[in-house]
Amino acid sequence: MSGLPIDFDVVNKNAYLPVKLSELSKVDPSSALEILNQWGEGTKPITVLWETTIEKILQNKDQPTKK
């Protein structure tokens, strides 16, 4: 262990948030854009953005894809 105070859970969420936002954009584009704006503006922490994104993906999981 390097001894650095790095929370790898947060690092992974930061790395994979674009993937999940892409997934969300296919079922709920307006929510994906809203979360992307919050991320870019720095108004919410990454963990909140991640949880919101996953929650919205799960809510839309069984709904048909919006086009």
N, C-alpha and C. Protein backbone atom coordinates (compact mmCIF):
# COMPACT_ATOMS: atom_id res chain seq x y z
N MET A 1 0.85 -1.18 0.00
CA MET A 1 0.00 0.00 0.00
C MET A 1 0.89 1.23 0.00
N SER A 2 0.51 2.24 -0.75
CA SER A 2 1.34 3.43 -0.91
C SER A 2 1.20 4.41 0.24
N GLY A 3 0.18 4.29 1.05
CA GLY A 3 -0.02 5.20 2.17
C GLY A 3 -0.71 6.50 1.78
N LEU A 4 -1.08 6.63 0.52
CA LEU A 4 -1.77 7.83 0.09
C LEU A 4 -3.24 7.75 0.48
N PRO A 5 -3.81 8.89 0.86
CA PRO A 5 -5.22 8.90 1.28
C PRO A 5 -6.17 8.95 0.07
N ILE A 6 -6.13 7.92 -0.74
CA ILE A 6 -6.97 7.87 -1.93
C ILE A 6 -8.12 6.89 -1.71
N ASP A 7 -9.31 7.38 -1.91
CA ASP A 7 -10.49 6.53 -1.81
C ASP A 7 -10.75 5.95 -3.20
N PHE A 8 -10.35 4.70 -3.39
CA PHE A 8 -10.46 4.09 -4.71
C PHE A 8 -11.91 3.91 -5.16
N ASP A 9 -12.84 3.87 -4.22
CA ASP A 9 -14.25 3.81 -4.58
C ASP A 9 -14.65 5.08 -5.33
N VAL A 10 -14.19 6.22 -4.83
CA VAL A 10 -14.48 7.50 -5.48
C VAL A 10 -13.76 7.59 -6.83
N VAL A 11 -12.53 7.09 -6.88
CA VAL A 11 -11.78 7.08 -8.14
C VAL A 11 -12.53 6.26 -9.20
N ASN A 12 -13.02 5.09 -8.82
CA ASN A 12 -13.77 4.25 -9.76
C ASN A 12 -15.07 4.91 -10.20
N LYS A 13 -15.77 5.53 -9.27
CA LYS A 13 -17.02 6.22 -9.63
C LYS A 13 -16.73 7.35 -10.61
N ASN A 14 -15.65 8.08 -10.37
CA ASN A 14 -15.27 9.17 -11.26
C ASN A 14 -14.90 8.63 -12.65
N ALA A 15 -14.22 7.50 -12.68
CA ALA A 15 -13.79 6.91 -13.95
C ALA A 15 -14.96 6.35 -14.75
N TYR A 16 -15.95 5.77 -14.08
CA TYR A 16 -17.04 5.10 -14.78
C TYR A 16 -18.32 5.91 -14.89
N LEU A 17 -18.34 7.11 -14.30
CA LEU A 17 -19.54 7.95 -14.42
C LEU A 17 -19.87 8.27 -15.88
N PRO A 18 -18.89 8.57 -16.74
CA PRO A 18 -19.24 8.80 -18.15
C PRO A 18 -19.92 7.60 -18.82
N VAL A 19 -19.49 6.41 -18.47
CA VAL A 19 -20.09 5.19 -19.03
C VAL A 19 -21.55 5.09 -18.59
N LYS A 20 -21.79 5.33 -17.32
CA LYS A 20 -23.15 5.24 -16.79
C LYS A 20 -24.02 6.38 -17.31
N LEU A 21 -23.45 7.57 -17.49
CA LEU A 21 -24.22 8.67 -18.06
C LEU A 21 -24.61 8.37 -19.50
N SER A 22 -23.73 7.73 -20.23
CA SER A 22 -24.06 7.31 -21.60
C SER A 22 -25.21 6.32 -21.59
N GLU A 23 -25.15 5.37 -20.66
CA GLU A 23 -26.23 4.39 -20.53
C GLU A 23 -27.54 5.08 -20.17
N LEU A 24 -27.49 6.02 -19.23
CA LEU A 24 -28.69 6.74 -18.82
C LEU A 24 -29.24 7.59 -19.96
N SER A 25 -28.37 8.17 -20.76
CA SER A 25 -28.82 9.04 -21.85
C SER A 25 -29.69 8.31 -22.87
N LYS A 26 -29.55 7.02 -22.94
CA LYS A 26 -30.34 6.22 -23.88
C LYS A 26 -31.77 6.00 -23.38
N VAL A 27 -31.98 6.08 -22.07
CA VAL A 27 -33.32 5.85 -21.51
C VAL A 27 -33.94 7.11 -20.90
N ASP A 28 -33.10 8.07 -20.51
CA ASP A 28 -33.60 9.30 -19.89
C ASP A 28 -32.62 10.44 -20.18
N PRO A 29 -32.64 10.95 -21.41
CA PRO A 29 -31.66 11.96 -21.81
C PRO A 29 -31.67 13.23 -20.96
N SER A 30 -32.84 13.68 -20.53
CA SER A 30 -32.89 14.92 -19.75
C SER A 30 -32.22 14.76 -18.39
N SER A 31 -32.41 13.61 -17.76
CA SER A 31 -31.75 13.36 -16.47
C SER A 31 -30.24 13.25 -16.66
N ALA A 32 -29.82 12.59 -17.73
CA ALA A 32 -28.38 12.46 -18.00
C ALA A 32 -27.75 13.83 -18.19
N LEU A 33 -28.42 14.71 -18.92
CA LEU A 33 -27.89 16.06 -19.15
C LEU A 33 -27.84 16.86 -17.86
N GLU A 34 -28.87 16.72 -17.04
CA GLU A 34 -28.90 17.43 -15.75
C GLU A 34 -27.74 16.99 -14.87
N ILE A 35 -27.50 15.69 -14.79
CA ILE A 35 -26.40 15.16 -13.97
C ILE A 35 -25.06 15.61 -14.55
N LEU A 36 -24.93 15.58 -15.87
CA LEU A 36 -23.70 16.03 -16.52
C LEU A 36 -23.42 17.50 -16.20
N ASN A 37 -24.45 18.33 -16.22
CA ASN A 37 -24.29 19.74 -15.86
C ASN A 37 -23.85 19.90 -14.41
N GLN A 38 -24.46 19.14 -13.51
CA GLN A 38 -24.07 19.22 -12.10
C GLN A 38 -22.62 18.80 -11.91
N TRP A 39 -22.20 17.79 -12.64
CA TRP A 39 -20.82 17.31 -12.57
C TRP A 39 -19.87 18.40 -13.08
N GLY A 40 -20.19 18.95 -14.24
CA GLY A 40 -19.33 19.97 -14.85
C GLY A 40 -19.25 21.24 -14.02
N GLU A 41 -20.35 21.62 -13.39
CA GLU A 41 -20.39 22.82 -12.57
C GLU A 41 -19.84 22.59 -11.17
N GLY A 42 -19.67 21.33 -10.81
CA GLY A 42 -19.13 21.00 -9.49
C GLY A 42 -20.09 21.27 -8.35
N THR A 43 -21.40 21.20 -8.63
CA THR A 43 -22.39 21.53 -7.60
C THR A 43 -22.74 20.36 -6.69
N LYS A 44 -22.37 19.14 -7.10
CA LYS A 44 -22.65 17.97 -6.27
C LYS A 44 -21.43 17.07 -6.26
N PRO A 45 -21.20 16.38 -5.14
CA PRO A 45 -20.06 15.46 -5.08
C PRO A 45 -20.26 14.24 -5.97
N ILE A 46 -19.17 13.65 -6.38
CA ILE A 46 -19.20 12.52 -7.31
C ILE A 46 -20.03 11.36 -6.78
N THR A 47 -20.00 11.13 -5.47
CA THR A 47 -20.77 10.01 -4.92
C THR A 47 -22.27 10.24 -5.08
N VAL A 48 -22.71 11.47 -4.92
CA VAL A 48 -24.13 11.79 -5.10
C VAL A 48 -24.52 11.65 -6.57
N LEU A 49 -23.66 12.13 -7.45
CA LEU A 49 -23.93 12.01 -8.89
C LEU A 49 -24.01 10.55 -9.31
N TRP A 50 -23.09 9.74 -8.79
CA TRP A 50 -23.07 8.30 -9.10
C TRP A 50 -24.36 7.63 -8.64
N GLU A 51 -24.73 7.88 -7.38
CA GLU A 51 -25.93 7.25 -6.82
C GLU A 51 -27.19 7.68 -7.58
N THR A 52 -27.27 8.96 -7.93
CA THR A 52 -28.42 9.46 -8.69
C THR A 52 -28.49 8.80 -10.06
N THR A 53 -27.34 8.69 -10.72
CA THR A 53 -27.28 8.07 -12.05
C THR A 53 -27.72 6.62 -11.99
N ILE A 54 -27.18 5.85 -11.05
CA ILE A 54 -27.53 4.44 -10.93
C ILE A 54 -29.02 4.28 -10.61
N GLU A 55 -29.51 5.12 -9.72
CA GLU A 55 -30.93 5.06 -9.34
C GLU A 55 -31.83 5.30 -10.56
N LYS A 56 -31.49 6.29 -11.37
CA LYS A 56 -32.30 6.60 -12.55
C LYS A 56 -32.20 5.51 -13.61
N ILE A 57 -31.03 4.90 -13.75
CA ILE A 57 -30.89 3.77 -14.69
C ILE A 57 -31.80 2.63 -14.25
N LEU A 58 -31.78 2.32 -12.96
CA LEU A 58 -32.61 1.23 -12.44
C LEU A 58 -34.10 1.53 -12.57
N GLN A 59 -34.48 2.79 -12.38
CA GLN A 59 -35.89 3.18 -12.52
C GLN A 59 -36.37 2.98 -13.95
N ASN A 60 -35.49 3.18 -14.90
CA ASN A 60 -35.85 3.11 -16.32
C ASN A 60 -35.51 1.77 -16.95
N LYS A 61 -35.01 0.84 -16.16
CA LYS A 61 -34.52 -0.44 -16.68
C LYS A 61 -35.55 -1.20 -17.50
N ASP A 62 -36.78 -1.24 -17.04
CA ASP A 62 -37.81 -2.03 -17.70
C ASP A 62 -38.67 -1.22 -18.68
N GLN A 63 -38.33 0.06 -18.85
CA GLN A 63 -39.09 0.89 -19.77
C GLN A 63 -38.45 0.83 -21.15
N PRO A 64 -39.26 0.98 -22.20
CA PRO A 64 -38.68 0.97 -23.55
C PRO A 64 -37.77 2.17 -23.77
N THR A 65 -36.81 2.01 -24.65
CA THR A 65 -35.85 3.07 -24.95
C THR A 65 -36.55 4.24 -25.61
N LYS A 66 -36.23 5.47 -25.12
CA LYS A 66 -36.77 6.69 -25.71
C LYS A 66 -35.93 7.06 -26.91
N LYS A 67 -36.60 7.51 -27.96
CA LYS A 67 -35.87 7.96 -29.16
C LYS A 67 -36.30 9.33 -29.56
